[in-house]
Structures are given as structure tokens and as C-alpha cells.
N, C-alpha and C. Protein backbone atom coordinates (compact mmCIF):
# COMPACT_ATOMS: atom_id res chain seq x y z
N MET A 1 0.82 -1.19 0.00
CA MET A 1 0.00 0.00 0.00
C MET A 1 0.86 1.25 0.00
N HIS A 2 2.04 1.18 0.63
CA HIS A 2 2.86 2.38 0.72
C HIS A 2 3.27 2.92 -0.64
N SER A 3 3.23 2.08 -1.67
CA SER A 3 3.62 2.55 -3.00
C SER A 3 2.60 3.52 -3.59
N ILE A 4 1.37 3.53 -3.09
CA ILE A 4 0.36 4.46 -3.61
C ILE A 4 0.35 5.79 -2.89
N LEU A 5 1.06 5.88 -1.77
CA LEU A 5 1.10 7.12 -1.00
C LEU A 5 2.19 8.04 -1.54
N PRO A 6 1.91 9.33 -1.64
CA PRO A 6 2.92 10.25 -2.15
C PRO A 6 4.21 10.24 -1.33
N ASP A 7 4.11 10.29 -0.01
CA ASP A 7 5.28 10.27 0.86
C ASP A 7 4.91 9.48 2.11
N PRO A 8 5.16 8.16 2.11
CA PRO A 8 4.74 7.33 3.23
C PRO A 8 5.26 7.81 4.59
N ALA A 9 6.39 8.48 4.63
CA ALA A 9 6.95 8.93 5.91
C ALA A 9 6.06 9.97 6.58
N SER A 10 5.20 10.63 5.81
CA SER A 10 4.35 11.67 6.39
C SER A 10 2.98 11.14 6.81
N PHE A 11 2.70 9.88 6.60
CA PHE A 11 1.41 9.30 6.95
C PHE A 11 1.51 8.51 8.24
N ARG A 12 0.39 8.43 8.93
CA ARG A 12 0.32 7.57 10.11
C ARG A 12 -1.10 7.03 10.23
N VAL A 13 -1.23 5.88 10.81
CA VAL A 13 -2.52 5.28 11.07
C VAL A 13 -3.05 5.90 12.36
N ASN A 14 -4.34 6.19 12.38
CA ASN A 14 -4.94 6.79 13.56
C ASN A 14 -6.35 6.22 13.72
N GLY A 15 -6.90 6.33 14.88
CA GLY A 15 -8.25 5.85 15.12
C GLY A 15 -8.66 6.07 16.56
N ARG A 16 -9.93 5.87 16.80
CA ARG A 16 -10.47 5.96 18.17
C ARG A 16 -11.15 4.65 18.49
N LEU A 17 -11.10 4.31 19.73
CA LEU A 17 -11.63 3.03 20.19
C LEU A 17 -12.74 3.28 21.19
N TRP A 18 -13.83 2.53 21.08
CA TRP A 18 -14.88 2.59 22.07
C TRP A 18 -15.59 1.24 22.10
N ILE A 19 -16.31 1.01 23.17
CA ILE A 19 -17.09 -0.20 23.34
C ILE A 19 -18.55 0.19 23.24
N GLU A 20 -19.31 -0.52 22.41
CA GLU A 20 -20.72 -0.23 22.23
C GLU A 20 -21.57 -1.33 22.83
N GLY A 21 -22.68 -0.92 23.42
CA GLY A 21 -23.70 -1.86 23.85
C GLY A 21 -24.75 -1.96 22.76
N PRO A 22 -25.83 -2.70 22.99
CA PRO A 22 -26.86 -2.86 21.96
C PRO A 22 -27.54 -1.55 21.55
N GLN A 23 -27.70 -0.61 22.49
CA GLN A 23 -28.41 0.63 22.18
C GLN A 23 -27.55 1.88 22.19
N ASP A 24 -26.40 1.84 22.83
CA ASP A 24 -25.65 3.08 23.05
C ASP A 24 -24.17 2.76 23.20
N ARG A 25 -23.35 3.79 23.04
CA ARG A 25 -21.94 3.64 23.35
C ARG A 25 -21.83 3.40 24.85
N PHE A 26 -20.98 2.45 25.22
CA PHE A 26 -20.80 2.13 26.63
C PHE A 26 -19.59 2.85 27.22
N LEU A 27 -18.45 2.71 26.56
CA LEU A 27 -17.23 3.28 27.11
C LEU A 27 -16.29 3.68 25.99
N GLY A 28 -15.77 4.89 26.08
CA GLY A 28 -14.80 5.40 25.13
C GLY A 28 -13.87 6.35 25.87
N ILE A 29 -13.04 7.05 25.13
CA ILE A 29 -12.06 7.95 25.75
C ILE A 29 -12.72 9.01 26.62
N GLY A 30 -13.77 9.65 26.12
CA GLY A 30 -14.45 10.70 26.89
C GLY A 30 -15.07 10.17 28.17
N ARG A 31 -15.73 9.04 28.07
CA ARG A 31 -16.36 8.45 29.26
C ARG A 31 -15.29 7.97 30.24
N LEU A 32 -14.19 7.44 29.71
CA LEU A 32 -13.08 7.04 30.56
C LEU A 32 -12.54 8.25 31.33
N GLU A 33 -12.35 9.34 30.61
CA GLU A 33 -11.85 10.56 31.26
C GLU A 33 -12.82 11.03 32.35
N LEU A 34 -14.11 10.96 32.07
CA LEU A 34 -15.11 11.35 33.07
C LEU A 34 -14.99 10.46 34.31
N LEU A 35 -14.88 9.15 34.11
CA LEU A 35 -14.73 8.24 35.25
C LEU A 35 -13.46 8.56 36.04
N GLN A 36 -12.38 8.84 35.35
CA GLN A 36 -11.13 9.16 36.04
C GLN A 36 -11.25 10.45 36.85
N HIS A 37 -11.94 11.44 36.31
CA HIS A 37 -12.15 12.69 37.06
C HIS A 37 -13.04 12.45 38.28
N ILE A 38 -14.07 11.63 38.13
CA ILE A 38 -14.93 11.30 39.27
C ILE A 38 -14.10 10.59 40.34
N GLN A 39 -13.25 9.68 39.90
CA GLN A 39 -12.39 8.94 40.83
C GLN A 39 -11.48 9.89 41.59
N ARG A 40 -10.92 10.85 40.89
CA ARG A 40 -9.96 11.78 41.49
C ARG A 40 -10.64 12.86 42.34
N LEU A 41 -11.79 13.37 41.86
CA LEU A 41 -12.43 14.53 42.49
C LEU A 41 -13.58 14.18 43.42
N GLY A 42 -14.12 12.96 43.32
CA GLY A 42 -15.20 12.54 44.20
C GLY A 42 -16.53 13.21 43.94
N SER A 43 -16.73 13.69 42.72
CA SER A 43 -17.95 14.43 42.42
C SER A 43 -18.21 14.44 40.91
N ILE A 44 -19.47 14.20 40.53
CA ILE A 44 -19.83 14.28 39.11
C ILE A 44 -19.78 15.73 38.65
N SER A 45 -20.25 16.67 39.49
CA SER A 45 -20.26 18.07 39.07
C SER A 45 -18.84 18.61 38.93
N LYS A 46 -17.93 18.25 39.83
CA LYS A 46 -16.54 18.69 39.70
C LYS A 46 -15.87 18.05 38.50
N ALA A 47 -16.20 16.78 38.23
CA ALA A 47 -15.64 16.09 37.06
C ALA A 47 -16.13 16.77 35.79
N ALA A 48 -17.41 17.11 35.74
CA ALA A 48 -17.97 17.80 34.57
C ALA A 48 -17.28 19.14 34.38
N GLN A 49 -17.11 19.87 35.45
CA GLN A 49 -16.46 21.18 35.39
C GLN A 49 -15.02 21.04 34.87
N ALA A 50 -14.32 20.04 35.33
CA ALA A 50 -12.93 19.81 34.90
C ALA A 50 -12.85 19.51 33.40
N MET A 51 -13.94 18.98 32.85
CA MET A 51 -13.96 18.63 31.43
C MET A 51 -14.69 19.68 30.58
N ASN A 52 -15.08 20.79 31.21
CA ASN A 52 -15.87 21.81 30.51
C ASN A 52 -17.14 21.21 29.90
N MET A 53 -17.80 20.40 30.70
CA MET A 53 -19.01 19.69 30.29
C MET A 53 -20.13 20.10 31.23
N SER A 54 -21.35 20.14 30.76
CA SER A 54 -22.46 20.46 31.65
C SER A 54 -22.67 19.30 32.62
N TYR A 55 -23.17 19.63 33.81
CA TYR A 55 -23.48 18.60 34.79
C TYR A 55 -24.51 17.64 34.21
N LYS A 56 -25.49 18.18 33.50
CA LYS A 56 -26.55 17.36 32.90
C LYS A 56 -25.95 16.32 31.96
N ARG A 57 -25.02 16.72 31.12
CA ARG A 57 -24.38 15.79 30.17
C ARG A 57 -23.58 14.74 30.92
N ALA A 58 -22.83 15.15 31.92
CA ALA A 58 -22.03 14.21 32.72
C ALA A 58 -22.95 13.19 33.39
N TRP A 59 -24.05 13.68 33.96
CA TRP A 59 -24.99 12.78 34.63
C TRP A 59 -25.60 11.80 33.63
N GLU A 60 -25.92 12.28 32.42
CA GLU A 60 -26.45 11.39 31.38
C GLU A 60 -25.45 10.29 31.02
N LEU A 61 -24.18 10.65 30.90
CA LEU A 61 -23.15 9.66 30.58
C LEU A 61 -22.99 8.63 31.69
N VAL A 62 -22.96 9.10 32.94
CA VAL A 62 -22.85 8.19 34.09
C VAL A 62 -24.07 7.28 34.14
N SER A 63 -25.24 7.85 33.94
CA SER A 63 -26.47 7.07 33.97
C SER A 63 -26.47 6.01 32.88
N SER A 64 -26.00 6.37 31.69
CA SER A 64 -25.93 5.43 30.57
C SER A 64 -24.97 4.28 30.89
N MET A 65 -23.79 4.61 31.41
CA MET A 65 -22.83 3.56 31.76
C MET A 65 -23.38 2.66 32.85
N ASN A 66 -23.97 3.26 33.89
CA ASN A 66 -24.51 2.47 34.99
C ASN A 66 -25.64 1.55 34.52
N ALA A 67 -26.47 2.04 33.62
CA ALA A 67 -27.60 1.24 33.12
C ALA A 67 -27.12 0.07 32.26
N GLN A 68 -26.03 0.26 31.52
CA GLN A 68 -25.56 -0.78 30.62
C GLN A 68 -24.68 -1.83 31.30
N ALA A 69 -23.99 -1.43 32.36
CA ALA A 69 -23.06 -2.35 33.03
C ALA A 69 -23.83 -3.36 33.87
N ARG A 70 -23.22 -4.49 34.11
CA ARG A 70 -23.85 -5.50 34.98
C ARG A 70 -24.00 -4.97 36.40
N GLU A 71 -23.03 -4.17 36.82
CA GLU A 71 -23.07 -3.51 38.13
C GLU A 71 -22.77 -2.04 37.88
N PRO A 72 -23.35 -1.12 38.67
CA PRO A 72 -23.06 0.30 38.47
C PRO A 72 -21.56 0.59 38.56
N LEU A 73 -21.09 1.51 37.73
CA LEU A 73 -19.68 1.92 37.74
C LEU A 73 -19.45 3.08 38.70
N VAL A 74 -20.51 3.87 38.93
CA VAL A 74 -20.41 5.05 39.79
C VAL A 74 -21.51 4.97 40.84
N SER A 75 -21.13 5.23 42.07
CA SER A 75 -22.06 5.29 43.19
C SER A 75 -22.16 6.74 43.65
N THR A 76 -23.37 7.20 43.91
CA THR A 76 -23.56 8.59 44.34
C THR A 76 -24.15 8.64 45.74
N GLN A 77 -23.79 9.70 46.46
CA GLN A 77 -24.35 9.96 47.77
C GLN A 77 -24.96 11.37 47.71
N THR A 78 -26.11 11.55 48.31
CA THR A 78 -26.77 12.85 48.25
C THR A 78 -26.58 13.61 49.56
N GLY A 79 -26.55 14.93 49.43
CA GLY A 79 -26.62 15.87 50.55
C GLY A 79 -25.74 15.60 51.74
N GLY A 80 -26.23 16.04 52.88
CA GLY A 80 -25.50 15.91 54.12
C GLY A 80 -24.64 17.12 54.40
N PRO A 81 -24.02 17.18 55.58
CA PRO A 81 -23.20 18.33 55.96
C PRO A 81 -22.03 18.58 55.00
N GLN A 82 -21.46 17.53 54.49
CA GLN A 82 -20.33 17.66 53.57
C GLN A 82 -20.78 17.74 52.11
N GLY A 83 -22.08 17.74 51.89
CA GLY A 83 -22.60 17.73 50.52
C GLY A 83 -22.60 16.31 49.98
N GLY A 84 -23.02 16.17 48.74
CA GLY A 84 -23.08 14.86 48.12
C GLY A 84 -21.72 14.46 47.60
N GLY A 85 -21.71 13.47 46.79
CA GLY A 85 -20.45 13.02 46.21
C GLY A 85 -20.69 11.83 45.31
N ALA A 86 -19.63 11.41 44.68
CA ALA A 86 -19.68 10.25 43.81
C ALA A 86 -18.33 9.54 43.90
N ARG A 87 -18.37 8.25 43.70
CA ARG A 87 -17.14 7.47 43.68
C ARG A 87 -17.31 6.32 42.72
N LEU A 88 -16.17 5.82 42.25
CA LEU A 88 -16.23 4.63 41.41
C LEU A 88 -16.43 3.41 42.30
N THR A 89 -17.25 2.51 41.84
CA THR A 89 -17.42 1.24 42.52
C THR A 89 -16.24 0.34 42.11
N ALA A 90 -16.18 -0.85 42.67
CA ALA A 90 -15.15 -1.80 42.26
C ALA A 90 -15.30 -2.10 40.76
N ALA A 91 -16.54 -2.18 40.30
CA ALA A 91 -16.78 -2.42 38.86
C ALA A 91 -16.28 -1.23 38.04
N GLY A 92 -16.47 -0.02 38.55
CA GLY A 92 -15.98 1.17 37.85
C GLY A 92 -14.48 1.21 37.77
N GLU A 93 -13.82 0.86 38.88
CA GLU A 93 -12.35 0.81 38.88
C GLU A 93 -11.86 -0.25 37.91
N GLN A 94 -12.55 -1.39 37.85
CA GLN A 94 -12.17 -2.46 36.92
C GLN A 94 -12.38 -1.99 35.48
N ALA A 95 -13.47 -1.29 35.21
CA ALA A 95 -13.75 -0.79 33.86
C ALA A 95 -12.66 0.17 33.41
N VAL A 96 -12.24 1.06 34.30
CA VAL A 96 -11.16 2.01 33.97
C VAL A 96 -9.87 1.24 33.65
N ALA A 97 -9.52 0.29 34.49
CA ALA A 97 -8.28 -0.48 34.27
C ALA A 97 -8.36 -1.29 32.97
N GLU A 98 -9.49 -1.93 32.72
CA GLU A 98 -9.65 -2.74 31.51
C GLU A 98 -9.60 -1.88 30.26
N PHE A 99 -10.28 -0.73 30.29
CA PHE A 99 -10.29 0.12 29.10
C PHE A 99 -8.92 0.75 28.87
N ASP A 100 -8.23 1.11 29.95
CA ASP A 100 -6.86 1.62 29.82
C ASP A 100 -5.97 0.59 29.13
N ALA A 101 -6.06 -0.66 29.55
CA ALA A 101 -5.26 -1.73 28.96
C ALA A 101 -5.66 -1.95 27.50
N LEU A 102 -6.95 -1.93 27.21
CA LEU A 102 -7.43 -2.08 25.84
C LEU A 102 -6.91 -0.94 24.97
N GLN A 103 -6.95 0.28 25.51
CA GLN A 103 -6.45 1.45 24.78
C GLN A 103 -4.96 1.33 24.50
N ALA A 104 -4.19 0.82 25.45
CA ALA A 104 -2.75 0.63 25.25
C ALA A 104 -2.48 -0.38 24.14
N ARG A 105 -3.25 -1.48 24.11
CA ARG A 105 -3.09 -2.47 23.04
C ARG A 105 -3.49 -1.88 21.69
N PHE A 106 -4.53 -1.09 21.67
CA PHE A 106 -4.97 -0.43 20.44
C PHE A 106 -3.90 0.53 19.94
N GLN A 107 -3.30 1.30 20.85
CA GLN A 107 -2.25 2.24 20.47
C GLN A 107 -1.03 1.50 19.91
N ALA A 108 -0.69 0.37 20.50
CA ALA A 108 0.42 -0.43 19.98
C ALA A 108 0.10 -0.93 18.57
N PHE A 109 -1.14 -1.34 18.33
CA PHE A 109 -1.56 -1.77 17.00
C PHE A 109 -1.43 -0.62 16.00
N VAL A 110 -1.89 0.57 16.37
CA VAL A 110 -1.83 1.75 15.50
C VAL A 110 -0.37 2.06 15.16
N GLU A 111 0.49 2.02 16.15
CA GLU A 111 1.92 2.31 15.91
C GLU A 111 2.55 1.25 15.00
N ALA A 112 2.19 -0.01 15.20
CA ALA A 112 2.74 -1.08 14.36
C ALA A 112 2.26 -0.93 12.92
N GLU A 113 1.01 -0.56 12.74
CA GLU A 113 0.49 -0.38 11.38
C GLU A 113 1.09 0.86 10.72
N THR A 114 1.38 1.89 11.50
CA THR A 114 2.05 3.06 10.95
C THR A 114 3.45 2.67 10.45
N ALA A 115 4.17 1.89 11.25
CA ALA A 115 5.51 1.43 10.86
C ALA A 115 5.42 0.57 9.59
N ARG A 116 4.41 -0.30 9.52
CA ARG A 116 4.24 -1.14 8.34
C ARG A 116 3.93 -0.28 7.10
N LEU A 117 3.09 0.72 7.26
CA LEU A 117 2.71 1.61 6.18
C LEU A 117 3.92 2.37 5.63
N ARG A 118 4.79 2.78 6.56
CA ARG A 118 5.97 3.54 6.14
C ARG A 118 7.05 2.65 5.53
N GLY A 119 6.87 1.34 5.67
CA GLY A 119 7.78 0.40 5.04
C GLY A 119 9.12 0.37 5.69
């Protein structure tokens, strides 16, 4: 294939990876980032703010992931003196680790295909 490219050294393979359920996207880079922010900040609203995303959109994404997973990925607590909060469940932590590993394998594939393309 590299013989059809004008300058193979200037090309690279690229792509995005996500996992889809029967009705909706389940997990991708954006949702992974949201989960990581929730894990770090302990709040859906703070995670949304860190991503320049509306709270409504963040809540929709969390709700979608929780509904599709066998077990919820995010657990929320309401109100109280310290306010509410959110945390990843064990399933959420596992989802983050699994998707991170999947993303690393995908990136290795992309790099190998770029090397093959460049000949």
C-alpha cells in the first residue's frame, strides 16, 4: 500500500476506540476521562467542570454507563453536611483499568500499522 502514497513517511494510522452496547456507546475515551475525574475529584459536578461539560451531560453519561453495566460503575451519595459526592465502585475501577489496557493495546496496534505503512 505504501507505494500508492505520495510520501509514506508523512502518513500515520490513527483511530479511536470505544465499546458499544446494543443501544448506546458504553465506554470510550471521553467516558473514561469522566470516570477518572470522578475517581480523582469525588464528584460528578466537579468532574464535569474539569472537562468543561455540563453537569446534565455528565450525569447522562454516568447514567448510561450504569444502566448498561452489569453492576453500576459510579455510586452517588446525596446531601449531608459535607454535601453529596460520587465514587467509582469496584466495577468502575475495573472498567477504567480494563479500558486503559485495551487502549494501550490499540495504540500499539496503530503504531505497528504506521511502521508497516511507512515500510
